[in-house]
Amino acid sequence: MELLEQRGATVVCHDPAFKKIPPMRHYKHIKAKAVELNEKALGEADATVIVTDHTAYDYPWIVKHSNLVIDTRNACKGVTSGLEKVIKA
């Protein structure tokens, strides 16, 4: 998040365990805010980055509504449609 923000990106996030980003000792300057995960938020984002593999997420739905998905956890392994939008990192 820090590197993206330093390069001018607007970063938002979603985690089912956190309604907002908790204070972090080393990253107090992070501007990212937690948002509701919905079609509008996914569609407005240039990219959706998956950094943890939560079982609470519907990954086929996320891929369907995202412009680009960067999957750092192989969370989209079971997705069968829209794979042209998924980059495994």
PDB file of N, CA and C in Angstrom:
ATOM      1  N   MET A   1       0.831  -1.184   0.000  1.00  0.00           N
ATOM      2  CA  MET A   1       0.000   0.000   0.000  1.00  0.00           C
ATOM      3  C   MET A   1       0.877   1.250   0.000  1.00  0.00           C
ATOM      4  N   GLU A   2       1.912   1.211   0.797  1.00  0.00           N
ATOM      5  CA  GLU A   2       2.784   2.378   0.904  1.00  0.00           C
ATOM      6  C   GLU A   2       3.424   2.719  -0.445  1.00  0.00           C
ATOM      7  N   LEU A   3       3.958   1.730  -1.134  1.00  0.00           N
ATOM      8  CA  LEU A   3       4.600   1.979  -2.428  1.00  0.00           C
ATOM      9  C   LEU A   3       3.608   2.500  -3.461  1.00  0.00           C
ATOM     10  N   LEU A   4       2.415   1.958  -3.483  1.00  0.00           N
ATOM     11  CA  LEU A   4       1.404   2.432  -4.418  1.00  0.00           C
ATOM     12  C   LEU A   4       1.019   3.879  -4.129  1.00  0.00           C
ATOM     13  N   GLU A   5       0.812   4.184  -2.858  1.00  0.00           N
ATOM     14  CA  GLU A   5       0.459   5.553  -2.489  1.00  0.00           C
ATOM     15  C   GLU A   5       1.589   6.524  -2.810  1.00  0.00           C
ATOM     16  N   GLN A   6       2.835   6.119  -2.605  1.00  0.00           N
ATOM     17  CA  GLN A   6       3.972   6.974  -2.925  1.00  0.00           C
ATOM     18  C   GLN A   6       4.026   7.304  -4.414  1.00  0.00           C
ATOM     19  N   ARG A   7       3.484   6.418  -5.233  1.00  0.00           N
ATOM     20  CA  ARG A   7       3.492   6.620  -6.675  1.00  0.00           C
ATOM     21  C   ARG A   7       2.204   7.264  -7.183  1.00  0.00           C
ATOM     22  N   GLY A   8       1.374   7.738  -6.244  1.00  0.00           N
ATOM     23  CA  GLY A   8       0.190   8.498  -6.609  1.00  0.00           C
ATOM     24  C   GLY A   8      -1.103   7.721  -6.707  1.00  0.00           C
ATOM     25  N   ALA A   9      -1.079   6.443  -6.377  1.00  0.00           N
ATOM     26  CA  ALA A   9      -2.297   5.633  -6.451  1.00  0.00           C
ATOM     27  C   ALA A   9      -3.209   5.920  -5.258  1.00  0.00           C
ATOM     28  N   THR A  10      -4.492   5.853  -5.512  1.00  0.00           N
ATOM     29  CA  THR A  10      -5.471   5.871  -4.435  1.00  0.00           C
ATOM     30  C   THR A  10      -5.728   4.417  -4.075  1.00  0.00           C
ATOM     31  N   VAL A  11      -5.481   4.059  -2.846  1.00  0.00           N
ATOM     32  CA  VAL A  11      -5.592   2.670  -2.403  1.00  0.00           C
ATOM     33  C   VAL A  11      -6.754   2.541  -1.432  1.00  0.00           C
ATOM     34  N   VAL A  12      -7.617   1.572  -1.693  1.00  0.00           N
ATOM     35  CA  VAL A  12      -8.672   1.212  -0.757  1.00  0.00           C
ATOM     36  C   VAL A  12      -8.544  -0.281  -0.491  1.00  0.00           C
ATOM     37  N   CYS A  13      -9.156  -0.751   0.561  1.00  0.00           N
ATOM     38  CA  CYS A  13      -9.024  -2.173   0.872  1.00  0.00           C
ATOM     39  C   CYS A  13     -10.316  -2.704   1.497  1.00  0.00           C
ATOM     40  N   HIS A  14     -10.365  -4.012   1.543  1.00  0.00           N
ATOM     41  CA  HIS A  14     -11.476  -4.689   2.209  1.00  0.00           C
ATOM     42  C   HIS A  14     -10.944  -5.941   2.875  1.00  0.00           C
ATOM     43  N   ASP A  15     -11.368  -6.156   4.090  1.00  0.00           N
ATOM     44  CA  ASP A  15     -11.029  -7.372   4.825  1.00  0.00           C
ATOM     45  C   ASP A  15     -12.238  -7.704   5.684  1.00  0.00           C
ATOM     46  N   PRO A  16     -12.760  -8.919   5.579  1.00  0.00           N
ATOM     47  CA  PRO A  16     -13.960  -9.247   6.351  1.00  0.00           C
ATOM     48  C   PRO A  16     -13.736  -9.185   7.868  1.00  0.00           C
ATOM     49  N   ALA A  17     -12.488  -9.227   8.303  1.00  0.00           N
ATOM     50  CA  ALA A  17     -12.203  -9.190   9.734  1.00  0.00           C
ATOM     51  C   ALA A  17     -12.068  -7.773  10.283  1.00  0.00           C
ATOM     52  N   PHE A  18     -11.902  -6.783   9.387  1.00  0.00           N
ATOM     53  CA  PHE A  18     -11.686  -5.406   9.835  1.00  0.00           C
ATOM     54  C   PHE A  18     -12.619  -4.457   9.097  1.00  0.00           C
ATOM     55  N   LYS A  19     -13.380  -3.680   9.830  1.00  0.00           N
ATOM     56  CA  LYS A  19     -14.259  -2.671   9.228  1.00  0.00           C
ATOM     57  C   LYS A  19     -13.466  -1.431   8.840  1.00  0.00           C
ATOM     58  N   LYS A  20     -12.326  -1.228   9.485  1.00  0.00           N
ATOM     59  CA  LYS A  20     -11.430  -0.142   9.106  1.00  0.00           C
ATOM     60  C   LYS A  20     -10.004  -0.613   9.348  1.00  0.00           C
ATOM     61  N   ILE A  21      -9.063   0.080   8.736  1.00  0.00           N
ATOM     62  CA  ILE A  21      -7.669  -0.315   8.890  1.00  0.00           C
ATOM     63  C   ILE A  21      -7.209   0.067  10.299  1.00  0.00           C
ATOM     64  N   PRO A  22      -6.709  -0.902  11.048  1.00  0.00           N
ATOM     65  CA  PRO A  22      -6.258  -0.582  12.406  1.00  0.00           C
ATOM     66  C   PRO A  22      -4.950   0.220  12.363  1.00  0.00           C
ATOM     67  N   PRO A  23      -4.664   0.975  13.399  1.00  0.00           N
ATOM     68  CA  PRO A  23      -3.397   1.697  13.449  1.00  0.00           C
ATOM     69  C   PRO A  23      -2.227   0.713  13.373  1.00  0.00           C
ATOM     70  N   MET A  24      -1.233   1.071  12.587  1.00  0.00           N
ATOM     71  CA  MET A  24      -0.068   0.205  12.445  1.00  0.00           C
ATOM     72  C   MET A  24       1.167   0.978  12.903  1.00  0.00           C
ATOM     73  N   ARG A  25       1.962   0.358  13.704  1.00  0.00           N
ATOM     74  CA  ARG A  25       3.122   1.003  14.312  1.00  0.00           C
ATOM     75  C   ARG A  25       4.061   1.622  13.276  1.00  0.00           C
ATOM     76  N   HIS A  26       4.362   0.912  12.223  1.00  0.00           N
ATOM     77  CA  HIS A  26       5.334   1.387  11.241  1.00  0.00           C
ATOM     78  C   HIS A  26       4.696   2.078  10.036  1.00  0.00           C
ATOM     79  N   TYR A  27       3.380   2.075   9.931  1.00  0.00           N
ATOM     80  CA  TYR A  27       2.717   2.628   8.751  1.00  0.00           C
ATOM     81  C   TYR A  27       1.605   3.592   9.134  1.00  0.00           C
ATOM     82  N   LYS A  28       1.873   4.495  10.013  1.00  0.00           N
ATOM     83  CA  LYS A  28       0.875   5.454  10.477  1.00  0.00           C
ATOM     84  C   LYS A  28       0.443   6.410   9.379  1.00  0.00           C
ATOM     85  N   HIS A  29       1.249   6.582   8.359  1.00  0.00           N
ATOM     86  CA  HIS A  29       0.984   7.534   7.287  1.00  0.00           C
ATOM     87  C   HIS A  29       0.137   6.958   6.155  1.00  0.00           C
ATOM     88  N   ILE A  30      -0.199   5.671   6.185  1.00  0.00           N
ATOM     89  CA  ILE A  30      -1.000   5.051   5.132  1.00  0.00           C
ATOM     90  C   ILE A  30      -2.355   5.748   5.059  1.00  0.00           C
ATOM     91  N   LYS A  31      -2.770   6.101   3.839  1.00  0.00           N
ATOM     92  CA  LYS A  31      -4.034   6.815   3.653  1.00  0.00           C
ATOM     93  C   LYS A  31      -5.184   5.886   3.252  1.00  0.00           C
ATOM     94  N   ALA A  32      -4.884   4.645   2.938  1.00  0.00           N
ATOM     95  CA  ALA A  32      -5.907   3.710   2.466  1.00  0.00           C
ATOM     96  C   ALA A  32      -7.053   3.617   3.459  1.00  0.00           C
ATOM     97  N   LYS A  33      -8.245   3.503   2.896  1.00  0.00           N
ATOM     98  CA  LYS A  33      -9.410   3.335   3.762  1.00  0.00           C
ATOM     99  C   LYS A  33     -10.118   2.042   3.381  1.00  0.00           C
ATOM    100  N   ALA A  34     -10.818   1.493   4.333  1.00  0.00           N
ATOM    101  CA  ALA A  34     -11.592   0.281   4.090  1.00  0.00           C
ATOM    102  C   ALA A  34     -12.903   0.670   3.409  1.00  0.00           C
ATOM    103  N   VAL A  35     -13.298  -0.115   2.417  1.00  0.00           N
ATOM    104  CA  VAL A  35     -14.543   0.134   1.691  1.00  0.00           C
ATOM    105  C   VAL A  35     -15.364  -1.141   1.640  1.00  0.00           C
ATOM    106  N   GLU A  36     -16.633  -0.969   1.321  1.00  0.00           N
ATOM    107  CA  GLU A  36     -17.511  -2.115   1.123  1.00  0.00           C
ATOM    108  C   GLU A  36     -17.112  -2.800  -0.178  1.00  0.00           C
ATOM    109  N   LEU A  37     -17.064  -4.105  -0.174  1.00  0.00           N
ATOM    110  CA  LEU A  37     -16.730  -4.854  -1.378  1.00  0.00           C
ATOM    111  C   LEU A  37     -18.015  -5.050  -2.187  1.00  0.00           C
ATOM    112  N   ASN A  38     -18.117  -4.330  -3.291  1.00  0.00           N
ATOM    113  CA  ASN A  38     -19.297  -4.433  -4.132  1.00  0.00           C
ATOM    114  C   ASN A  38     -18.897  -4.231  -5.594  1.00  0.00           C
ATOM    115  N   GLU A  39     -19.843  -4.417  -6.492  1.00  0.00           N
ATOM    116  CA  GLU A  39     -19.569  -4.309  -7.928  1.00  0.00           C
ATOM    117  C   GLU A  39     -19.026  -2.933  -8.291  1.00  0.00           C
ATOM    118  N   LYS A  40     -19.564  -1.892  -7.690  1.00  0.00           N
ATOM    119  CA  LYS A  40     -19.135  -0.523  -7.998  1.00  0.00           C
ATOM    120  C   LYS A  40     -17.672  -0.317  -7.625  1.00  0.00           C
ATOM    121  N   ALA A  41     -17.289  -0.705  -6.418  1.00  0.00           N
ATOM    122  CA  ALA A  41     -15.904  -0.522  -5.963  1.00  0.00           C
ATOM    123  C   ALA A  41     -14.933  -1.307  -6.838  1.00  0.00           C
ATOM    124  N   LEU A  42     -15.295  -2.549  -7.160  1.00  0.00           N
ATOM    125  CA  LEU A  42     -14.420  -3.358  -8.012  1.00  0.00           C
ATOM    126  C   LEU A  42     -14.318  -2.776  -9.413  1.00  0.00           C
ATOM    127  N   GLY A  43     -15.428  -2.339  -9.960  1.00  0.00           N
ATOM    128  CA  GLY A  43     -15.443  -1.803 -11.318  1.00  0.00           C
ATOM    129  C   GLY A  43     -14.720  -0.477 -11.456  1.00  0.00           C
ATOM    130  N   GLU A  44     -14.679   0.310 -10.384  1.00  0.00           N
ATOM    131  CA  GLU A  44     -13.996   1.605 -10.421  1.00  0.00           C
ATOM    132  C   GLU A  44     -12.490   1.479 -10.234  1.00  0.00           C
ATOM    133  N   ALA A  45     -12.041   0.356  -9.699  1.00  0.00           N
ATOM    134  CA  ALA A  45     -10.609   0.170  -9.438  1.00  0.00           C
ATOM    135  C   ALA A  45      -9.878  -0.243 -10.711  1.00  0.00           C
ATOM    136  N   ASP A  46      -8.681   0.300 -10.888  1.00  0.00           N
ATOM    137  CA  ASP A  46      -7.842  -0.128 -11.998  1.00  0.00           C
ATOM    138  C   ASP A  46      -7.425  -1.582 -11.813  1.00  0.00           C
ATOM    139  N   ALA A  47      -7.168  -1.952 -10.564  1.00  0.00           N
ATOM    140  CA  ALA A  47      -6.734  -3.317 -10.265  1.00  0.00           C
ATOM    141  C   ALA A  47      -7.228  -3.726  -8.883  1.00  0.00           C
ATOM    142  N   THR A  48      -7.507  -5.006  -8.763  1.00  0.00           N
ATOM    143  CA  THR A  48      -7.837  -5.614  -7.484  1.00  0.00           C
ATOM    144  C   THR A  48      -6.668  -6.518  -7.132  1.00  0.00           C
ATOM    145  N   VAL A  49      -6.071  -6.291  -5.974  1.00  0.00           N
ATOM    146  CA  VAL A  49      -4.920  -7.083  -5.555  1.00  0.00           C
ATOM    147  C   VAL A  49      -5.356  -7.987  -4.406  1.00  0.00           C
ATOM    148  N   ILE A  50      -5.185  -9.285  -4.590  1.00  0.00           N
ATOM    149  CA  ILE A  50      -5.526 -10.253  -3.543  1.00  0.00           C
ATOM    150  C   ILE A  50      -4.248 -10.558  -2.770  1.00  0.00           C
ATOM    151  N   VAL A  51      -4.245 -10.203  -1.485  1.00  0.00           N
ATOM    152  CA  VAL A  51      -3.058 -10.415  -0.667  1.00  0.00           C
ATOM    153  C   VAL A  51      -3.262 -11.458   0.427  1.00  0.00           C
ATOM    154  N   THR A  52      -4.488 -11.943   0.568  1.00  0.00           N
ATOM    155  CA  THR A  52      -4.753 -13.026   1.511  1.00  0.00           C
ATOM    156  C   THR A  52      -5.919 -13.845   0.961  1.00  0.00           C
ATOM    157  N   ASP A  53      -5.919 -15.123   1.233  1.00  0.00           N
ATOM    158  CA  ASP A  53      -6.920 -16.038   0.690  1.00  0.00           C
ATOM    159  C   ASP A  53      -7.986 -16.327   1.751  1.00  0.00           C
ATOM    160  N   HIS A  54      -8.987 -15.441   1.832  1.00  0.00           N
ATOM    161  CA  HIS A  54     -10.084 -15.617   2.787  1.00  0.00           C
ATOM    162  C   HIS A  54     -11.150 -16.528   2.182  1.00  0.00           C
ATOM    163  N   THR A  55     -11.633 -17.475   2.942  1.00  0.00           N
ATOM    164  CA  THR A  55     -12.707 -18.341   2.462  1.00  0.00           C
ATOM    165  C   THR A  55     -14.029 -17.593   2.360  1.00  0.00           C
ATOM    166  N   ALA A  56     -14.119 -16.421   2.981  1.00  0.00           N
ATOM    167  CA  ALA A  56     -15.355 -15.632   2.951  1.00  0.00           C
ATOM    168  C   ALA A  56     -15.596 -14.989   1.581  1.00  0.00           C
ATOM    169  N   TYR A  57     -14.586 -14.936   0.734  1.00  0.00           N
ATOM    170  CA  TYR A  57     -14.722 -14.257  -0.558  1.00  0.00           C
ATOM    171  C   TYR A  57     -15.173 -15.196  -1.664  1.00  0.00           C
ATOM    172  N   ASP A  58     -15.967 -14.654  -2.547  1.00  0.00           N
ATOM    173  CA  ASP A  58     -16.416 -15.351  -3.757  1.00  0.00           C
ATOM    174  C   ASP A  58     -15.493 -14.887  -4.885  1.00  0.00           C
ATOM    175  N   TYR A  59     -14.410 -15.607  -5.106  1.00  0.00           N
ATOM    176  CA  TYR A  59     -13.399 -15.177  -6.069  1.00  0.00           C
ATOM    177  C   TYR A  59     -13.905 -15.131  -7.506  1.00  0.00           C
ATOM    178  N   PRO A  60     -14.743 -16.046  -7.953  1.00  0.00           N
ATOM    179  CA  PRO A  60     -15.298 -15.893  -9.310  1.00  0.00           C
ATOM    180  C   PRO A  60     -16.081 -14.583  -9.454  1.00  0.00           C
ATOM    181  N   TRP A  61     -16.827 -14.196  -8.432  1.00  0.00           N
ATOM    182  CA  TRP A  61     -17.578 -12.932  -8.451  1.00  0.00           C
ATOM    183  C   TRP A  61     -16.620 -11.742  -8.480  1.00  0.00           C
ATOM    184  N   ILE A  62     -15.559 -11.809  -7.702  1.00  0.00           N
ATOM    185  CA  ILE A  62     -14.560 -10.732  -7.681  1.00  0.00           C
ATOM    186  C   ILE A  62     -13.928 -10.573  -9.051  1.00  0.00           C
ATOM    187  N   VAL A  63     -13.523 -11.676  -9.669  1.00  0.00           N
ATOM    188  CA  VAL A  63     -12.914 -11.613 -11.001  1.00  0.00           C
ATOM    189  C   VAL A  63     -13.908 -11.046 -12.006  1.00  0.00           C
ATOM    190  N   LYS A  64     -15.139 -11.505 -11.945  1.00  0.00           N
ATOM    191  CA  LYS A  64     -16.164 -11.043 -12.884  1.00  0.00           C
ATOM    192  C   LYS A  64     -16.316  -9.528 -12.868  1.00  0.00           C
ATOM    193  N   HIS A  65     -16.259  -8.911 -11.703  1.00  0.00           N
ATOM    194  CA  HIS A  65     -16.538  -7.489 -11.564  1.00  0.00           C
ATOM    195  C   HIS A  65     -15.286  -6.605 -11.514  1.00  0.00           C
ATOM    196  N   SER A  66     -14.115  -7.214 -11.596  1.00  0.00           N
ATOM    197  CA  SER A  66     -12.865  -6.457 -11.566  1.00  0.00           C
ATOM    198  C   SER A  66     -12.346  -6.225 -12.976  1.00  0.00           C
ATOM    199  N   ASN A  67     -11.590  -5.148 -13.146  1.00  0.00           N
ATOM    200  CA  ASN A  67     -10.946  -4.866 -14.427  1.00  0.00           C
ATOM    201  C   ASN A  67      -9.676  -5.692 -14.598  1.00  0.00           C
ATOM    202  N   LEU A  68      -8.962  -5.894 -13.508  1.00  0.00           N
ATOM    203  CA  LEU A  68      -7.714  -6.647 -13.480  1.00  0.00           C
ATOM    204  C   LEU A  68      -7.562  -7.191 -12.073  1.00  0.00           C
ATOM    205  N   VAL A  69      -7.118  -8.438 -11.951  1.00  0.00           N
ATOM    206  CA  VAL A  69      -6.904  -9.046 -10.642  1.00  0.00           C
ATOM    207  C   VAL A  69      -5.452  -9.495 -10.554  1.00  0.00           C
ATOM    208  N   ILE A  70      -4.765  -9.023  -9.534  1.00  0.00           N
ATOM    209  CA  ILE A  70      -3.401  -9.471  -9.257  1.00  0.00           C
ATOM    210  C   ILE A  70      -3.518 -10.388  -8.049  1.00  0.00           C
ATOM    211  N   ASP A  71      -3.314 -11.669  -8.284  1.00  0.00           N
ATOM    212  CA  ASP A  71      -3.541 -12.697  -7.272  1.00  0.00           C
ATOM    213  C   ASP A  71      -2.203 -13.158  -6.699  1.00  0.00           C
ATOM    214  N   THR A  72      -1.903 -12.709  -5.485  1.00  0.00           N
ATOM    215  CA  THR A  72      -0.631 -13.076  -4.856  1.00  0.00           C
ATOM    216  C   THR A  72      -0.742 -14.339  -4.004  1.00  0.00           C
ATOM    217  N   ARG A  73      -1.933 -14.927  -3.907  1.00  0.00           N
ATOM    218  CA  ARG A  73      -2.150 -16.092  -3.035  1.00  0.00           C
ATOM    219  C   ARG A  73      -2.718 -17.304  -3.753  1.00  0.00           C
ATOM    220  N   ASN A  74      -2.819 -17.247  -5.072  1.00  0.00           N
ATOM    221  CA  ASN A  74      -3.435 -18.313  -5.861  1.00  0.00           C
ATOM    222  C   ASN A  74      -4.882 -18.561  -5.417  1.00  0.00           C
ATOM    223  N   ALA A  75      -5.540 -17.509  -5.007  1.00  0.00           N
ATOM    224  CA  ALA A  75      -6.923 -17.594  -4.547  1.00  0.00           C
ATOM    225  C   ALA A  75      -7.882 -17.854  -5.696  1.00  0.00           C
ATOM    226  N   CYS A  76      -7.481 -17.523  -6.910  1.00  0.00           N
ATOM    227  CA  CYS A  76      -8.348 -17.679  -8.083  1.00  0.00           C
ATOM    228  C   CYS A  76      -8.136 -19.016  -8.788  1.00  0.00           C
ATOM    229  N   LYS A  77      -7.501 -19.949  -8.121  1.00  0.00           N
ATOM    230  CA  LYS A  77      -7.200 -21.246  -8.751  1.00  0.00           C
ATOM    231  C   LYS A  77      -8.451 -21.971  -9.236  1.00  0.00           C
ATOM    232  N   GLY A  78      -9.587 -21.770  -8.600  1.00  0.00           N
ATOM    233  CA  GLY A  78     -10.818 -22.436  -8.993  1.00  0.00           C
ATOM    234  C   GLY A  78     -11.690 -21.627  -9.938  1.00  0.00           C
ATOM    235  N   VAL A  79     -11.240 -20.424 -10.286  1.00  0.00           N
ATOM    236  CA  VAL A  79     -12.015 -19.561 -11.178  1.00  0.00           C
ATOM    237  C   VAL A  79     -11.892 -20.080 -12.601  1.00  0.00           C
ATOM    238  N   THR A  80     -13.012 -20.163 -13.320  1.00  0.00           N
ATOM    239  CA  THR A  80     -12.988 -20.692 -14.684  1.00  0.00           C
ATOM    240  C   THR A  80     -13.327 -19.651 -15.742  1.00  0.00           C
ATOM    241  N   SER A  81     -13.877 -18.521 -15.340  1.00  0.00           N
ATOM    242  CA  SER A  81     -14.278 -17.490 -16.296  1.00  0.00           C
ATOM    243  C   SER A  81     -13.568 -16.180 -15.965  1.00  0.00           C
ATOM    244  N   GLY A  82     -13.112 -15.482 -16.989  1.00  0.00           N
ATOM    245  CA  GLY A  82     -12.448 -14.203 -16.786  1.00  0.00           C
ATOM    246  C   GLY A  82     -10.977 -14.322 -16.468  1.00  0.00           C
ATOM    247  N   LEU A  83     -10.393 -15.486 -16.717  1.00  0.00           N
ATOM    248  CA  LEU A  83      -8.995 -15.701 -16.365  1.00  0.00           C
ATOM    249  C   LEU A  83      -8.030 -14.774 -17.111  1.00  0.00           C
ATOM    250  N   GLU A  84      -8.479 -14.205 -18.230  1.00  0.00           N
ATOM    251  CA  GLU A  84      -7.632 -13.260 -18.961  1.00  0.00           C
ATOM    252  C   GLU A  84      -7.374 -11.984 -18.141  1.00  0.00           C
ATOM    253  N   LYS A  85      -8.172 -11.778 -17.100  1.00  0.00           N
ATOM    254  CA  LYS A  85      -8.011 -10.609 -16.231  1.00  0.00           C
ATOM    255  C   LYS A  85      -7.161 -10.904 -14.998  1.00  0.00           C
ATOM    256  N   VAL A  86      -6.731 -12.157 -14.820  1.00  0.00           N
ATOM    257  CA  VAL A  86      -6.029 -12.559 -13.616  1.00  0.00           C
ATOM    258  C   VAL A  86      -4.530 -12.698 -13.892  1.00  0.00           C
ATOM    259  N   ILE A  87      -3.741 -12.018 -13.079  1.00  0.00           N
ATOM    260  CA  ILE A  87      -2.286 -12.148 -13.127  1.00  0.00           C
ATOM    261  C   ILE A  87      -1.871 -12.804 -11.813  1.00  0.00           C
ATOM    262  N   LYS A  88      -1.155 -13.913 -11.916  1.00  0.00           N
ATOM    263  CA  LYS A  88      -0.646 -14.571 -10.711  1.00  0.00           C
ATOM    264  C   LYS A  88       0.704 -13.972 -10.391  1.00  0.00           C
ATOM    265  N   ALA A  89       0.818 -13.465  -9.178  1.00  0.00           N
ATOM    266  CA  ALA A  89       2.068 -12.818  -8.765  1.00  0.00           C
ATOM    267  C   ALA A  89       2.676 -13.539  -7.598  1.00  0.00           C
TER     268      ALA A  89
END
